[in-house]
C-alpha atoms as a PDB file:
ATOM      1  CA  UNK A   1      -0.040  -0.189   0.137  1.00  0.00           C
ATOM      2  CA  UNK A   2       1.009   3.516  -0.909  1.00  0.00           C
ATOM      3  CA  UNK A   3       0.453   6.899   0.270  1.00  0.00           C
ATOM      4  CA  UNK A   4       1.176  10.484  -0.227  1.00  0.00           C
ATOM      5  CA  UNK A   5       4.487  11.860   0.857  1.00  0.00           C
ATOM      6  CA  UNK A   6       2.868  15.533   0.987  1.00  0.00           C
ATOM      7  CA  UNK A   7      -0.251  14.055   2.823  1.00  0.00           C
ATOM      8  CA  UNK A   8       1.972  15.932   5.840  1.00  0.00           C
ATOM      9  CA  UNK A   9       1.160  19.243   5.192  1.00  0.00           C
ATOM     10  CA  UNK A  10      -1.929  18.688   6.287  1.00  0.00           C
ATOM     11  CA  UNK A  11      -1.566  17.270   9.889  1.00  0.00           C
ATOM     12  CA  UNK A  12      -3.139  19.438  11.984  1.00  0.00           C
ATOM     13  CA  UNK A  13      -1.941  21.121  15.357  1.00  0.00           C
ATOM     14  CA  UNK A  14      -3.446  21.490  18.547  1.00  0.00           C
ATOM     15  CA  UNK A  15      -2.851  24.831  20.343  1.00  0.00           C
ATOM     16  CA  UNK A  16      -3.290  25.546  24.237  1.00  0.00           C
ATOM     17  CA  UNK A  17      -6.659  26.885  24.700  1.00  0.00           C
ATOM     18  CA  UNK A  18      -5.611  28.330  28.124  1.00  0.00           C
ATOM     19  CA  UNK A  19      -3.088  29.762  30.092  1.00  0.00           C
ATOM     20  CA  UNK A  20      -0.701  29.730  32.754  1.00  0.00           C
ATOM     21  CA  UNK A  21       0.287  31.881  35.360  1.00  0.00           C
ATOM     22  CA  UNK A  22       4.133  32.771  35.551  1.00  0.00           C
ATOM     23  CA  UNK A  23       6.118  31.632  38.567  1.00  0.00           C
ATOM     24  CA  UNK A  24       5.185  34.898  41.287  1.00  0.00           C
ATOM     25  CA  UNK A  25       4.300  35.166  44.494  1.00  0.00           C
ATOM     26  CA  UNK A  26       0.377  35.052  44.733  1.00  0.00           C
ATOM     27  CA  UNK A  27      -0.478  35.647  48.359  1.00  0.00           C
ATOM     28  CA  UNK A  28       0.127  38.011  50.800  1.00  0.00           C
ATOM     29  CA  UNK A  29       2.738  36.457  53.305  1.00  0.00           C
ATOM     30  CA  UNK A  30       2.979  39.199  55.639  1.00  0.00           C
ATOM     31  CA  UNK A  31      -0.498  40.841  55.900  1.00  0.00           C
ATOM     32  CA  UNK A  32      -1.574  37.966  58.825  1.00  0.00           C
ATOM     33  CA  UNK A  33       1.876  38.521  60.580  1.00  0.00           C
ATOM     34  CA  UNK A  34       1.377  42.391  61.830  1.00  0.00           C
ATOM     35  CA  UNK A  35      -1.720  44.467  63.547  1.00  0.00           C
ATOM     36  CA  UNK A  36      -4.158  44.578  60.494  1.00  0.00           C
ATOM     37  CA  UNK A  37      -6.453  48.050  61.181  1.00  0.00           C
ATOM     38  CA  UNK A  38      -9.105  46.687  58.491  1.00  0.00           C
ATOM     39  CA  UNK A  39      -9.913  49.549  56.283  1.00  0.00           C
ATOM     40  CA  UNK A  40      -9.168  53.288  57.182  1.00  0.00           C
ATOM     41  CA  UNK A  41     -11.328  56.224  55.941  1.00  0.00           C
ATOM     42  CA  UNK A  42      -8.811  59.651  55.563  1.00  0.00           C
ATOM     43  CA  UNK A  43      -5.689  59.897  53.626  1.00  0.00           C
ATOM     44  CA  UNK A  44      -3.609  58.636  56.850  1.00  0.00           C
ATOM     45  CA  UNK A  45      -4.257  56.838  60.227  1.00  0.00           C
ATOM     46  CA  UNK A  46      -2.192  57.011  63.758  1.00  0.00           C
ATOM     47  CA  UNK A  47      -0.821  54.638  65.954  1.00  0.00           C
ATOM     48  CA  UNK A  48      -0.388  56.158  70.108  1.00  0.00           C
ATOM     49  CA  UNK A  49       2.267  54.495  71.903  1.00  0.00           C
ATOM     50  CA  UNK A  50       2.546  55.789  75.352  1.00  0.00           C
ATOM     51  CA  UNK A  51       6.069  55.230  77.826  1.00  0.00           C
ATOM     52  CA  UNK A  52       6.505  53.173  81.025  1.00  0.00           C
ATOM     53  CA  UNK A  53       7.055  54.168  84.843  1.00  0.00           C
ATOM     54  CA  UNK A  54       8.851  52.260  87.825  1.00  0.00           C
ATOM     55  CA  UNK A  55       7.873  52.330  91.350  1.00  0.00           C
ATOM     56  CA  UNK A  56       9.600  54.487  93.090  1.00  0.00           C
ATOM     57  CA  UNK A  57      10.094  53.810  97.230  1.00  0.00           C
ATOM     58  CA  UNK A  58       8.450  55.429  99.779  1.00  0.00           C
ATOM     59  CA  UNK A  59      10.511  56.653 102.390  1.00  0.00           C
ATOM     60  CA  UNK A  60       8.366  58.568 104.965  1.00  0.00           C
ATOM     61  CA  UNK A  61       5.154  58.950 106.462  1.00  0.00           C
ATOM     62  CA  UNK A  62       2.488  61.395 105.433  1.00  0.00           C
ATOM     63  CA  UNK A  63       4.413  62.408 102.707  1.00  0.00           C
ATOM     64  CA  UNK A  64       3.097  64.252  99.146  1.00  0.00           C
ATOM     65  CA  UNK A  65       2.933  62.081  96.133  1.00  0.00           C
ATOM     66  CA  UNK A  66       5.221  63.194  93.775  1.00  0.00           C
ATOM     67  CA  UNK A  67       4.131  62.891  90.159  1.00  0.00           C
ATOM     68  CA  UNK A  68       5.885  60.773  87.695  1.00  0.00           C
ATOM     69  CA  UNK A  69       6.257  62.167  83.593  1.00  0.00           C
ATOM     70  CA  UNK A  70       5.499  59.323  81.270  1.00  0.00           C
ATOM     71  CA  UNK A  71       5.937  59.689  77.472  1.00  0.00           C
ATOM     72  CA  UNK A  72       3.011  59.791  75.114  1.00  0.00           C
ATOM     73  CA  UNK A  73       4.139  59.458  70.802  1.00  0.00           C
ATOM     74  CA  UNK A  74       2.146  59.332  68.276  1.00  0.00           C
ATOM     75  CA  UNK A  75       3.182  57.711  64.684  1.00  0.00           C
ATOM     76  CA  UNK A  76       1.343  58.488  61.282  1.00  0.00           C
ATOM     77  CA  UNK A  77       1.050  56.590  58.467  1.00  0.00           C
ATOM     78  CA  UNK A  78       0.092  58.075  54.988  1.00  0.00           C
ATOM     79  CA  UNK A  79      -2.112  56.345  52.660  1.00  0.00           C
ATOM     80  CA  UNK A  80      -0.402  55.202  49.187  1.00  0.00           C
ATOM     81  CA  UNK A  81      -2.175  54.820  45.788  1.00  0.00           C
ATOM     82  CA  UNK A  82      -0.694  52.091  43.734  1.00  0.00           C
ATOM     83  CA  UNK A  83      -2.528  50.846  40.425  1.00  0.00           C
ATOM     84  CA  UNK A  84      -1.600  47.842  37.931  1.00  0.00           C
ATOM     85  CA  UNK A  85      -2.049  47.921  33.799  1.00  0.00           C
ATOM     86  CA  UNK A  86      -3.903  48.362  31.935  1.00  0.00           C
ATOM     87  CA  UNK A  87      -3.212  45.207  30.868  1.00  0.00           C
ATOM     88  CA  UNK A  88      -4.394  45.287  27.304  1.00  0.00           C
ATOM     89  CA  UNK A  89      -5.688  42.816  24.538  1.00  0.00           C
ATOM     90  CA  UNK A  90      -6.651  44.616  20.766  1.00  0.00           C
ATOM     91  CA  UNK A  91     -10.293  43.875  19.795  1.00  0.00           C
ATOM     92  CA  UNK A  92      -9.120  42.913  16.218  1.00  0.00           C
ATOM     93  CA  UNK A  93      -6.429  40.412  18.219  1.00  0.00           C
ATOM     94  CA  UNK A  94      -9.248  38.368  19.958  1.00  0.00           C
ATOM     95  CA  UNK A  95     -11.165  36.174  16.924  1.00  0.00           C
ATOM     96  CA  UNK A  96      -7.547  35.089  16.259  1.00  0.00           C
ATOM     97  CA  UNK A  97      -6.839  33.665  19.528  1.00  0.00           C
ATOM     98  CA  UNK A  98      -7.384  30.184  20.466  1.00  0.00           C
ATOM     99  CA  UNK A  99      -8.312  31.459  24.240  1.00  0.00           C
ATOM    100  CA  UNK A 100      -9.324  34.645  25.340  1.00  0.00           C
ATOM    101  CA  UNK A 101      -6.606  35.794  28.000  1.00  0.00           C
ATOM    102  CA  UNK A 102      -8.477  38.737  29.915  1.00  0.00           C
ATOM    103  CA  UNK A 103      -9.908  35.725  31.970  1.00  0.00           C
ATOM    104  CA  UNK A 104      -6.796  34.988  33.516  1.00  0.00           C
ATOM    105  CA  UNK A 105      -6.065  39.288  34.074  1.00  0.00           C
ATOM    106  CA  UNK A 106      -7.899  39.446  36.864  1.00  0.00           C
ATOM    107  CA  UNK A 107      -5.472  36.826  38.586  1.00  0.00           C
ATOM    108  CA  UNK A 108      -2.780  38.693  37.673  1.00  0.00           C
ATOM    109  CA  UNK A 109      -3.489  42.011  39.046  1.00  0.00           C
ATOM    110  CA  UNK A 110      -4.699  40.392  42.312  1.00  0.00           C
ATOM    111  CA  UNK A 111      -1.506  38.853  42.671  1.00  0.00           C
ATOM    112  CA  UNK A 112       0.466  42.657  42.128  1.00  0.00           C
ATOM    113  CA  UNK A 113      -1.741  43.491  44.999  1.00  0.00           C
ATOM    114  CA  UNK A 114      -1.027  41.097  47.059  1.00  0.00           C
ATOM    115  CA  UNK A 115       2.700  41.825  46.722  1.00  0.00           C
ATOM    116  CA  UNK A 116       2.314  45.431  46.970  1.00  0.00           C
ATOM    117  CA  UNK A 117       0.691  44.706  50.284  1.00  0.00           C
ATOM    118  CA  UNK A 118       4.061  42.876  51.555  1.00  0.00           C
ATOM    119  CA  UNK A 119       6.133  45.587  49.979  1.00  0.00           C
ATOM    120  CA  UNK A 120       4.430  48.294  51.727  1.00  0.00           C
ATOM    121  CA  UNK A 121       4.792  46.132  55.133  1.00  0.00           C
ATOM    122  CA  UNK A 122       8.846  45.578  54.437  1.00  0.00           C
ATOM    123  CA  UNK A 123       9.230  49.580  53.744  1.00  0.00           C
ATOM    124  CA  UNK A 124       7.417  50.185  57.383  1.00  0.00           C
ATOM    125  CA  UNK A 125       9.649  47.451  58.978  1.00  0.00           C
ATOM    126  CA  UNK A 126      12.961  48.800  57.720  1.00  0.00           C
ATOM    127  CA  UNK A 127      12.439  52.602  56.757  1.00  0.00           C
ATOM    128  CA  UNK A 128      12.136  55.560  59.313  1.00  0.00           C
ATOM    129  CA  UNK A 129       8.691  56.306  61.200  1.00  0.00           C
ATOM    130  CA  UNK A 130       6.850  59.526  61.367  1.00  0.00           C
ATOM    131  CA  UNK A 131       6.227  60.514  64.951  1.00  0.00           C
ATOM    132  CA  UNK A 132       4.799  63.759  66.897  1.00  0.00           C
ATOM    133  CA  UNK A 133       5.011  64.085  70.097  1.00  0.00           C
ATOM    134  CA  UNK A 134       3.187  67.247  71.363  1.00  0.00           C
ATOM    135  CA  UNK A 135       0.236  68.714  70.157  1.00  0.00           C
ATOM    136  CA  UNK A 136       0.919  70.617  66.780  1.00  0.00           C
ATOM    137  CA  UNK A 137       4.602  69.837  67.015  1.00  0.00           C
ATOM    138  CA  UNK A 138       6.641  69.130  63.824  1.00  0.00           C
ATOM    139  CA  UNK A 139       6.774  65.150  62.426  1.00  0.00           C
ATOM    140  CA  UNK A 140      10.051  63.632  63.556  1.00  0.00           C
ATOM    141  CA  UNK A 141      11.645  60.806  61.210  1.00  0.00           C
ATOM    142  CA  UNK A 142      12.341  57.673  63.772  1.00  0.00           C
ATOM    143  CA  UNK A 143      14.989  54.927  62.265  1.00  0.00           C
ATOM    144  CA  UNK A 144      15.779  51.695  63.309  1.00  0.00           C
ATOM    145  CA  UNK A 145      18.570  52.354  66.105  1.00  0.00           C
ATOM    146  CA  UNK A 146      22.183  50.971  65.543  1.00  0.00           C
ATOM    147  CA  UNK A 147      21.325  48.516  68.538  1.00  0.00           C
ATOM    148  CA  UNK A 148      18.443  46.876  66.711  1.00  0.00           C
ATOM    149  CA  UNK A 149      20.543  46.216  63.471  1.00  0.00           C
ATOM    150  CA  UNK A 150      22.979  43.439  62.754  1.00  0.00           C
ATOM    151  CA  UNK A 151      25.897  43.793  60.063  1.00  0.00           C
ATOM    152  CA  UNK A 152      26.332  41.071  57.438  1.00  0.00           C
ATOM    153  CA  UNK A 153      30.607  41.064  58.406  1.00  0.00           C
ATOM    154  CA  UNK A 154      31.446  39.039  55.436  1.00  0.00           C
ATOM    155  CA  UNK A 155      29.174  35.955  56.672  1.00  0.00           C
ATOM    156  CA  UNK A 156      25.912  34.274  55.501  1.00  0.00           C
ATOM    157  CA  UNK A 157      22.942  33.911  57.486  1.00  0.00           C
ATOM    158  CA  UNK A 158      24.459  32.203  60.650  1.00  0.00           C
ATOM    159  CA  UNK A 159      23.297  31.028  63.885  1.00  0.00           C
ATOM    160  CA  UNK A 160      24.943  33.699  65.493  1.00  0.00           C
ATOM    161  CA  UNK A 161      23.079  36.326  63.729  1.00  0.00           C
ATOM    162  CA  UNK A 162      19.733  34.029  64.612  1.00  0.00           C
ATOM    163  CA  UNK A 163      20.587  33.709  68.101  1.00  0.00           C
ATOM    164  CA  UNK A 164      21.935  37.538  68.671  1.00  0.00           C
ATOM    165  CA  UNK A 165      18.478  38.436  67.459  1.00  0.00           C
ATOM    166  CA  UNK A 166      16.775  36.380  69.795  1.00  0.00           C
ATOM    167  CA  UNK A 167      18.800  38.057  72.262  1.00  0.00           C
ATOM    168  CA  UNK A 168      17.941  41.424  71.275  1.00  0.00           C
ATOM    169  CA  UNK A 169      13.788  40.790  71.509  1.00  0.00           C
ATOM    170  CA  UNK A 170      14.712  39.242  74.861  1.00  0.00           C
ATOM    171  CA  UNK A 171      16.415  41.828  76.343  1.00  0.00           C
ATOM    172  CA  UNK A 172      13.506  44.182  75.433  1.00  0.00           C
ATOM    173  CA  UNK A 173      10.684  42.028  76.690  1.00  0.00           C
ATOM    174  CA  UNK A 174       9.460  41.227  73.205  1.00  0.00           C
ATOM    175  CA  UNK A 175       8.836  37.507  72.933  1.00  0.00           C
ATOM    176  CA  UNK A 176       6.360  34.960  73.664  1.00  0.00           C
ATOM    177  CA  UNK A 177       6.926  35.564  77.422  1.00  0.00           C
ATOM    178  CA  UNK A 178       4.884  38.846  76.802  1.00  0.00           C
ATOM    179  CA  UNK A 179       2.431  37.234  74.362  1.00  0.00           C
ATOM    180  CA  UNK A 180       4.135  38.005  71.279  1.00  0.00           C
ATOM    181  CA  UNK A 181       4.650  35.847  67.879  1.00  0.00           C
ATOM    182  CA  UNK A 182       8.204  36.376  66.478  1.00  0.00           C
ATOM    183  CA  UNK A 183       9.098  36.596  62.414  1.00  0.00           C
ATOM    184  CA  UNK A 184      11.729  36.535  60.248  1.00  0.00           C
ATOM    185  CA  UNK A 185      11.643  37.388  56.236  1.00  0.00           C
ATOM    186  CA  UNK A 186      14.214  35.376  54.575  1.00  0.00           C
ATOM    187  CA  UNK A 187      14.876  34.304  50.971  1.00  0.00           C
ATOM    188  CA  UNK A 188      16.352  31.827  48.741  1.00  0.00           C
ATOM    189  CA  UNK A 189      19.606  32.532  49.463  1.00  0.00           C
ATOM    190  CA  UNK A 190      19.283  32.157  53.568  1.00  0.00           C
ATOM    191  CA  UNK A 191      17.589  28.859  53.063  1.00  0.00           C
ATOM    192  CA  UNK A 192      20.537  27.537  51.337  1.00  0.00           C
ATOM    193  CA  UNK A 193      23.147  28.930  53.878  1.00  0.00           C
ATOM    194  CA  UNK A 194      20.822  27.619  56.550  1.00  0.00           C
ATOM    195  CA  UNK A 195      20.592  24.297  55.482  1.00  0.00           C
ATOM    196  CA  UNK A 196      24.208  23.699  54.716  1.00  0.00           C
ATOM    197  CA  UNK A 197      25.265  25.332  58.475  1.00  0.00           C
ATOM    198  CA  UNK A 198      25.446  21.708  60.165  1.00  0.00           C
ATOM    199  CA  UNK A 199      25.701  23.581  63.548  1.00  0.00           C
ATOM    200  CA  UNK A 200      22.008  24.918  61.992  1.00  0.00           C
ATOM    201  CA  UNK A 201      20.738  21.262  61.217  1.00  0.00           C
ATOM    202  CA  UNK A 202      21.901  19.199  63.784  1.00  0.00           C
ATOM    203  CA  UNK A 203      20.333  15.523  64.447  1.00  0.00           C
ATOM    204  CA  UNK A 204      17.028  16.975  65.987  1.00  0.00           C
ATOM    205  CA  UNK A 205      13.990  16.453  64.589  1.00  0.00           C
ATOM    206  CA  UNK A 206      13.384  19.789  63.218  1.00  0.00           C
ATOM    207  CA  UNK A 207      16.418  19.850  61.402  1.00  0.00           C
ATOM    208  CA  UNK A 208      15.907  16.359  59.648  1.00  0.00           C
ATOM    209  CA  UNK A 209      12.758  17.458  58.475  1.00  0.00           C
ATOM    210  CA  UNK A 210      13.911  20.441  56.767  1.00  0.00           C
ATOM    211  CA  UNK A 211      16.828  18.712  55.663  1.00  0.00           C
ATOM    212  CA  UNK A 212      14.226  15.967  53.786  1.00  0.00           C
ATOM    213  CA  UNK A 213      11.851  18.564  52.617  1.00  0.00           C
ATOM    214  CA  UNK A 214      14.359  21.186  51.731  1.00  0.00           C
ATOM    215  CA  UNK A 215      12.760  24.187  53.352  1.00  0.00           C
ATOM    216  CA  UNK A 216      12.587  25.825  56.367  1.00  0.00           C
ATOM    217  CA  UNK A 217       9.574  24.470  58.903  1.00  0.00           C
ATOM    218  CA  UNK A 218       6.834  27.766  59.940  1.00  0.00           C
ATOM    219  CA  UNK A 219       8.131  27.604  63.847  1.00  0.00           C
ATOM    220  CA  UNK A 220      12.139  27.098  64.182  1.00  0.00           C
ATOM    221  CA  UNK A 221      14.514  29.140  66.901  1.00  0.00           C
ATOM    222  CA  UNK A 222      11.426  30.973  68.280  1.00  0.00           C
ATOM    223  CA  UNK A 223      10.632  32.353  64.749  1.00  0.00           C
ATOM    224  CA  UNK A 224       7.657  31.946  62.338  1.00  0.00           C
ATOM    225  CA  UNK A 225       9.596  31.602  58.822  1.00  0.00           C
ATOM    226  CA  UNK A 226       8.108  33.505  55.800  1.00  0.00           C
ATOM    227  CA  UNK A 227       9.952  33.344  52.426  1.00  0.00           C
ATOM    228  CA  UNK A 228      10.044  36.715  50.583  1.00  0.00           C
ATOM    229  CA  UNK A 229      12.595  37.255  47.395  1.00  0.00           C
ATOM    230  CA  UNK A 230      12.434  40.750  47.655  1.00  0.00           C
ATOM    231  CA  UNK A 231      14.723  41.433  50.478  1.00  0.00           C
ATOM    232  CA  UNK A 232      16.453  44.746  49.967  1.00  0.00           C
ATOM    233  CA  UNK A 233      20.008  44.645  48.996  1.00  0.00           C
ATOM    234  CA  UNK A 234      21.947  47.238  50.990  1.00  0.00           C
ATOM    235  CA  UNK A 235      25.384  46.980  49.844  1.00  0.00           C
ATOM    236  CA  UNK A 236      27.141  43.873  46.475  1.00  0.00           C
ATOM    237  CA  UNK A 237      26.794  40.473  47.816  1.00  0.00           C
ATOM    238  CA  UNK A 238      24.318  41.485  50.641  1.00  0.00           C
ATOM    239  CA  UNK A 239      20.741  41.056  51.647  1.00  0.00           C
ATOM    240  CA  UNK A 240      18.119  42.493  54.408  1.00  0.00           C
ATOM    241  CA  UNK A 241      16.486  39.964  56.559  1.00  0.00           C
ATOM    242  CA  UNK A 242      14.106  41.680  58.710  1.00  0.00           C
ATOM    243  CA  UNK A 243      12.816  39.906  62.393  1.00  0.00           C
ATOM    244  CA  UNK A 244       9.969  41.334  63.988  1.00  0.00           C
ATOM    245  CA  UNK A 245       7.055  41.187  66.649  1.00  0.00           C
ATOM    246  CA  UNK A 246       3.523  40.563  65.614  1.00  0.00           C
ATOM    247  CA  UNK A 247       2.709  43.890  66.830  1.00  0.00           C
ATOM    248  CA  UNK A 248       5.722  46.024  65.494  1.00  0.00           C
ATOM    249  CA  UNK A 249       3.977  47.262  62.090  1.00  0.00           C
ATOM    250  CA  UNK A 250       0.296  48.792  62.028  1.00  0.00           C
ATOM    251  CA  UNK A 251      -1.518  47.884  58.517  1.00  0.00           C
ATOM    252  CA  UNK A 252      -4.388  49.631  57.062  1.00  0.00           C
ATOM    253  CA  UNK A 253      -6.575  49.654  53.728  1.00  0.00           C
ATOM    254  CA  UNK A 254      -7.781  52.559  52.286  1.00  0.00           C
ATOM    255  CA  UNK A 255      -9.049  50.938  49.040  1.00  0.00           C
ATOM    256  CA  UNK A 256      -9.272  47.059  48.882  1.00  0.00           C
ATOM    257  CA  UNK A 257      -7.902  45.720  45.612  1.00  0.00           C
ATOM    258  CA  UNK A 258     -10.521  46.452  42.615  1.00  0.00           C
ATOM    259  CA  UNK A 259     -10.551  45.526  39.558  1.00  0.00           C
ATOM    260  CA  UNK A 260     -12.285  45.619  36.188  1.00  0.00           C
ATOM    261  CA  UNK A 261     -12.005  43.993  32.837  1.00  0.00           C
ATOM    262  CA  UNK A 262     -13.531  46.293  30.334  1.00  0.00           C
ATOM    263  CA  UNK A 263     -13.766  47.599  27.085  1.00  0.00           C
ATOM    264  CA  UNK A 264     -12.537  50.584  25.588  1.00  0.00           C
ATOM    265  CA  UNK A 265     -14.999  51.796  23.010  1.00  0.00           C
ATOM    266  CA  UNK A 266     -13.643  55.554  22.646  1.00  0.00           C
ATOM    267  CA  UNK A 267     -10.521  53.746  20.522  1.00  0.00           C
ATOM    268  CA  UNK A 268     -10.827  51.464  17.217  1.00  0.00           C
ATOM    269  CA  UNK A 269     -11.739  47.571  17.806  1.00  0.00           C
ATOM    270  CA  UNK A 270     -12.751  48.466  21.265  1.00  0.00           C
ATOM    271  CA  UNK A 271      -9.422  46.760  23.041  1.00  0.00           C
ATOM    272  CA  UNK A 272     -10.527  44.955  26.286  1.00  0.00           C
ATOM    273  CA  UNK A 273      -8.221  45.829  29.217  1.00  0.00           C
ATOM    274  CA  UNK A 274      -7.570  44.507  32.545  1.00  0.00           C
ATOM    275  CA  UNK A 275      -6.905  47.224  35.454  1.00  0.00           C
ATOM    276  CA  UNK A 276      -6.235  47.348  39.172  1.00  0.00           C
ATOM    277  CA  UNK A 277      -6.334  49.827  41.775  1.00  0.00           C
ATOM    278  CA  UNK A 278      -5.652  49.710  45.940  1.00  0.00           C
ATOM    279  CA  UNK A 279      -4.510  52.131  48.578  1.00  0.00           C
ATOM    280  CA  UNK A 280      -2.482  51.071  51.497  1.00  0.00           C
ATOM    281  CA  UNK A 281      -0.297  51.943  54.210  1.00  0.00           C
ATOM    282  CA  UNK A 282       1.741  50.891  57.171  1.00  0.00           C
ATOM    283  CA  UNK A 283       3.915  52.542  60.149  1.00  0.00           C
ATOM    284  CA  UNK A 284       6.736  50.848  62.285  1.00  0.00           C
ATOM    285  CA  UNK A 285       5.029  51.185  66.149  1.00  0.00           C
ATOM    286  CA  UNK A 286       8.556  50.913  68.095  1.00  0.00           C
ATOM    287  CA  UNK A 287      11.958  50.230  66.701  1.00  0.00           C
ATOM    288  CA  UNK A 288      12.479  47.308  69.453  1.00  0.00           C
ATOM    289  CA  UNK A 289      10.376  45.530  67.759  1.00  0.00           C
ATOM    290  CA  UNK A 290      12.056  44.808  64.649  1.00  0.00           C
ATOM    291  CA  UNK A 291      15.314  43.663  64.372  1.00  0.00           C
ATOM    292  CA  UNK A 292      17.337  44.285  60.978  1.00  0.00           C
ATOM    293  CA  UNK A 293      19.538  41.722  59.995  1.00  0.00           C
ATOM    294  CA  UNK A 294      22.191  42.231  57.015  1.00  0.00           C
ATOM    295  CA  UNK A 295      24.073  39.001  55.324  1.00  0.00           C
ATOM    296  CA  UNK A 296      26.174  38.101  52.630  1.00  0.00           C
ATOM    297  CA  UNK A 297      24.822  36.392  49.852  1.00  0.00           C
ATOM    298  CA  UNK A 298      28.439  35.168  48.338  1.00  0.00           C
ATOM    299  CA  UNK A 299      29.206  32.640  50.948  1.00  0.00           C
END
């Protein structure tokens, strides 16, 4: 039996009739790990701090009371507006496609909004906070003090740095003893350095589990570990992790992410575009609840 050698020109090709997202962080990982103030009605919101006092000895009888000063301060978070898109498909192109990609655009827009939430919180953890200590007074910029910073020192993410961070929180009365949950943001380089550090992965159950699964457990060394690949790069071959207590940052939402996929009837072909917008704000409540931790990435 013979067949035509040219029949192969009529072979058909099946095209994929859906779309797969590019690899990306889709959910917010930080929002549930800070104080969420919910919806904010206004262009800003505040958090009020109060200082501490100590008991004084009474050295005689019938003495007059002695007033003690106690510090008060208000911190301010401004709402910031963001948008994503529009992500546009020309109306002339839609009939030529096997599948309409706009049905996936909303998921892409929401994922970008969730990453923006985490970036807003990360910035509030590390950037200077605006504070006022008297009515009508000017706003001061409060940075993380040197005592709450751990330098890279040419080393990677080490056991010594983790222990030092725990020491700082304990010295500040900022740990589980005072009802705080401690979190640590880390990236892929930190995973490599931790899993190859035998001083951190000795044969206890948690270490064995980490080595088997190739990731950090959710709770380890006193911290809830949160993966975050957008760590700052303060210098060459250096990344900036951050550890914090759950009450360290107050986060507010002015506009929860809104999305729309609409035709633009003012342009030829009525192109269809996906668009999203949101408004967020965050402020660090207390520097003693945050530890900035730099580590070398080339070791």
